[in-house]
């Protein structure tokens, strides 16, 4: 069972992602509501993948993705954001997320993307 870390400043969105991942057979090893805590938990818990929001107070998801990749070049990160992938890449072309999904999303689409990044 793959281990997941969920990083999103919305408790409601973390609950939605957690429910979808658990239904998909994934173990949630941690949750964070900002990028800085997400980085700390990544280093501590070493999850198999991370779901990462972009727009958060404090350290945003773009910076968190970059710092996680500095720590672990093989990190698998799924950006889950209200911003679309093109907007993110235009504003931060160096972001090294493994995959992107736009909120709101279908549970099946989320699970397919995660399955793909874990293969």
C-alpha atoms as a PDB file:
ATOM      1  CA  UNK A   1       0.000   0.000   0.000  1.00  0.00           C
ATOM      2  CA  UNK A   2       1.510   3.325  -1.100  1.00  0.00           C
ATOM      3  CA  UNK A   3       1.819   6.048   1.528  1.00  0.00           C
ATOM      4  CA  UNK A   4       0.523   9.563   0.855  1.00  0.00           C
ATOM      5  CA  UNK A   5       1.098  13.034   2.286  1.00  0.00           C
ATOM      6  CA  UNK A   6      -1.647  15.602   1.671  1.00  0.00           C
ATOM      7  CA  UNK A   7      -0.711  19.301   1.671  1.00  0.00           C
ATOM      8  CA  UNK A   8      -3.587  21.774   1.330  1.00  0.00           C
ATOM      9  CA  UNK A   9      -4.642  24.774   3.400  1.00  0.00           C
ATOM     10  CA  UNK A  10      -8.314  23.808   3.149  1.00  0.00           C
ATOM     11  CA  UNK A  11      -9.406  21.257   5.729  1.00  0.00           C
ATOM     12  CA  UNK A  12     -12.415  20.487   3.539  1.00  0.00           C
ATOM     13  CA  UNK A  13     -10.193  19.746   0.501  1.00  0.00           C
ATOM     14  CA  UNK A  14      -7.833  17.603   2.595  1.00  0.00           C
ATOM     15  CA  UNK A  15     -10.864  15.595   3.708  1.00  0.00           C
ATOM     16  CA  UNK A  16     -12.017  15.114   0.083  1.00  0.00           C
ATOM     17  CA  UNK A  17      -8.540  14.044  -1.071  1.00  0.00           C
ATOM     18  CA  UNK A  18      -8.086  11.778   1.959  1.00  0.00           C
ATOM     19  CA  UNK A  19     -11.409  10.059   1.359  1.00  0.00           C
ATOM     20  CA  UNK A  20     -10.634   9.488  -2.338  1.00  0.00           C
ATOM     21  CA  UNK A  21      -7.152   8.145  -1.605  1.00  0.00           C
ATOM     22  CA  UNK A  22      -8.336   5.821   1.148  1.00  0.00           C
ATOM     23  CA  UNK A  23     -11.057   4.481  -1.158  1.00  0.00           C
ATOM     24  CA  UNK A  24      -8.297   3.888  -3.705  1.00  0.00           C
ATOM     25  CA  UNK A  25      -6.341   1.802  -1.192  1.00  0.00           C
ATOM     26  CA  UNK A  26      -3.688   4.366  -0.221  1.00  0.00           C
ATOM     27  CA  UNK A  27      -2.472   5.005   3.325  1.00  0.00           C
ATOM     28  CA  UNK A  28      -2.494   8.638   4.477  1.00  0.00           C
ATOM     29  CA  UNK A  29       0.612   9.092   6.628  1.00  0.00           C
ATOM     30  CA  UNK A  30       0.314  12.835   7.138  1.00  0.00           C
ATOM     31  CA  UNK A  31      -1.481  16.079   6.395  1.00  0.00           C
ATOM     32  CA  UNK A  32      -0.208  19.648   6.350  1.00  0.00           C
ATOM     33  CA  UNK A  33      -1.969  22.970   5.849  1.00  0.00           C
ATOM     34  CA  UNK A  34       1.033  24.863   4.454  1.00  0.00           C
ATOM     35  CA  UNK A  35       4.138  24.284   2.384  1.00  0.00           C
ATOM     36  CA  UNK A  36       6.636  24.595   5.224  1.00  0.00           C
ATOM     37  CA  UNK A  37       4.930  21.892   7.281  1.00  0.00           C
ATOM     38  CA  UNK A  38       4.561  19.786   4.132  1.00  0.00           C
ATOM     39  CA  UNK A  39       8.326  19.877   3.581  1.00  0.00           C
ATOM     40  CA  UNK A  40       9.008  18.939   7.204  1.00  0.00           C
ATOM     41  CA  UNK A  41       6.549  16.035   7.061  1.00  0.00           C
ATOM     42  CA  UNK A  42       7.952  14.847   3.730  1.00  0.00           C
ATOM     43  CA  UNK A  43      11.441  14.601   5.207  1.00  0.00           C
ATOM     44  CA  UNK A  44      10.135  12.917   8.354  1.00  0.00           C
ATOM     45  CA  UNK A  45       7.596  10.494   6.856  1.00  0.00           C
ATOM     46  CA  UNK A  46       9.129   9.770   3.423  1.00  0.00           C
ATOM     47  CA  UNK A  47       5.772   9.150   1.693  1.00  0.00           C
ATOM     48  CA  UNK A  48       5.528   7.435  -1.695  1.00  0.00           C
ATOM     49  CA  UNK A  49       3.758  10.500  -3.110  1.00  0.00           C
ATOM     50  CA  UNK A  50       2.442  13.933  -2.163  1.00  0.00           C
ATOM     51  CA  UNK A  51      -0.666  15.846  -3.180  1.00  0.00           C
ATOM     52  CA  UNK A  52       0.226  19.546  -3.098  1.00  0.00           C
ATOM     53  CA  UNK A  53      -1.958  22.625  -3.275  1.00  0.00           C
ATOM     54  CA  UNK A  54      -0.322  25.718  -4.788  1.00  0.00           C
ATOM     55  CA  UNK A  55      -2.070  28.703  -3.233  1.00  0.00           C
ATOM     56  CA  UNK A  56      -1.482  28.594   0.529  1.00  0.00           C
ATOM     57  CA  UNK A  57      -0.493  31.097   3.173  1.00  0.00           C
ATOM     58  CA  UNK A  58       3.141  31.141   4.228  1.00  0.00           C
ATOM     59  CA  UNK A  59       5.280  28.949   1.984  1.00  0.00           C
ATOM     60  CA  UNK A  60       3.228  28.230  -1.124  1.00  0.00           C
ATOM     61  CA  UNK A  61       3.079  24.953  -2.999  1.00  0.00           C
ATOM     62  CA  UNK A  62       5.462  26.047  -5.758  1.00  0.00           C
ATOM     63  CA  UNK A  63       8.247  26.683  -3.248  1.00  0.00           C
ATOM     64  CA  UNK A  64       7.380  23.505  -1.342  1.00  0.00           C
ATOM     65  CA  UNK A  65       7.602  21.408  -4.537  1.00  0.00           C
ATOM     66  CA  UNK A  66      10.983  22.948  -5.328  1.00  0.00           C
ATOM     67  CA  UNK A  67      12.347  22.322  -1.827  1.00  0.00           C
ATOM     68  CA  UNK A  68      11.066  18.756  -1.707  1.00  0.00           C
ATOM     69  CA  UNK A  69      12.788  18.100  -5.044  1.00  0.00           C
ATOM     70  CA  UNK A  70      16.020  19.601  -3.721  1.00  0.00           C
ATOM     71  CA  UNK A  71      15.798  17.094  -0.851  1.00  0.00           C
ATOM     72  CA  UNK A  72      14.615  14.155  -3.004  1.00  0.00           C
ATOM     73  CA  UNK A  73      15.051  14.320  -6.781  1.00  0.00           C
ATOM     74  CA  UNK A  74      12.762  11.287  -7.186  1.00  0.00           C
ATOM     75  CA  UNK A  75       9.849  12.767  -5.214  1.00  0.00           C
ATOM     76  CA  UNK A  76       6.471  12.092  -6.791  1.00  0.00           C
ATOM     77  CA  UNK A  77       4.255  15.127  -6.391  1.00  0.00           C
ATOM     78  CA  UNK A  78       0.751  15.602  -7.730  1.00  0.00           C
ATOM     79  CA  UNK A  79      -0.229  19.269  -7.764  1.00  0.00           C
ATOM     80  CA  UNK A  80      -3.919  19.630  -6.891  1.00  0.00           C
ATOM     81  CA  UNK A  81      -4.854  23.256  -7.530  1.00  0.00           C
ATOM     82  CA  UNK A  82      -7.634  25.576  -8.650  1.00  0.00           C
ATOM     83  CA  UNK A  83      -4.989  27.028 -10.990  1.00  0.00           C
ATOM     84  CA  UNK A  84      -4.604  25.096 -14.217  1.00  0.00           C
ATOM     85  CA  UNK A  85      -1.311  23.508 -15.228  1.00  0.00           C
ATOM     86  CA  UNK A  86      -0.550  26.108 -17.927  1.00  0.00           C
ATOM     87  CA  UNK A  87      -1.035  28.994 -15.498  1.00  0.00           C
ATOM     88  CA  UNK A  88       1.289  27.359 -12.990  1.00  0.00           C
ATOM     89  CA  UNK A  89       3.971  26.625 -15.587  1.00  0.00           C
ATOM     90  CA  UNK A  90       3.771  30.141 -17.063  1.00  0.00           C
ATOM     91  CA  UNK A  91       4.294  31.679 -13.645  1.00  0.00           C
ATOM     92  CA  UNK A  92       6.883  29.177 -12.468  1.00  0.00           C
ATOM     93  CA  UNK A  93       8.456  27.273 -15.362  1.00  0.00           C
ATOM     94  CA  UNK A  94      10.872  25.444 -13.040  1.00  0.00           C
ATOM     95  CA  UNK A  95       8.174  23.623 -11.065  1.00  0.00           C
ATOM     96  CA  UNK A  96       8.933  19.903 -11.160  1.00  0.00           C
ATOM     97  CA  UNK A  97       5.631  18.351 -10.239  1.00  0.00           C
ATOM     98  CA  UNK A  98       5.090  14.823 -11.514  1.00  0.00           C
ATOM     99  CA  UNK A  99       1.485  15.540 -12.517  1.00  0.00           C
ATOM    100  CA  UNK A 100      -1.225  18.184 -12.207  1.00  0.00           C
ATOM    101  CA  UNK A 101      -4.975  18.075 -11.588  1.00  0.00           C
ATOM    102  CA  UNK A 102      -7.350  21.022 -11.406  1.00  0.00           C
ATOM    103  CA  UNK A 103      -9.912  21.478  -8.626  1.00  0.00           C
ATOM    104  CA  UNK A 104     -12.677  20.444  -8.662  1.00  0.00           C
ATOM    105  CA  UNK A 105     -11.745  16.977  -9.854  1.00  0.00           C
ATOM    106  CA  UNK A 106     -13.349  13.592 -10.291  1.00  0.00           C
ATOM    107  CA  UNK A 107     -12.191  10.967  -7.784  1.00  0.00           C
ATOM    108  CA  UNK A 108     -11.506   8.509 -10.602  1.00  0.00           C
ATOM    109  CA  UNK A 109      -9.270  11.021 -12.402  1.00  0.00           C
ATOM    110  CA  UNK A 110      -7.291  11.660  -9.207  1.00  0.00           C
ATOM    111  CA  UNK A 111      -6.784   7.940  -8.619  1.00  0.00           C
ATOM    112  CA  UNK A 112      -5.739   7.326 -12.244  1.00  0.00           C
ATOM    113  CA  UNK A 113      -3.124  10.088 -12.045  1.00  0.00           C
ATOM    114  CA  UNK A 114      -1.729   8.680  -8.809  1.00  0.00           C
ATOM    115  CA  UNK A 115      -1.613   5.186 -10.257  1.00  0.00           C
ATOM    116  CA  UNK A 116       0.318   6.618 -13.195  1.00  0.00           C
ATOM    117  CA  UNK A 117       2.904   8.473 -11.112  1.00  0.00           C
ATOM    118  CA  UNK A 118       3.546   5.400  -8.960  1.00  0.00           C
ATOM    119  CA  UNK A 119       4.273   3.108 -11.935  1.00  0.00           C
END
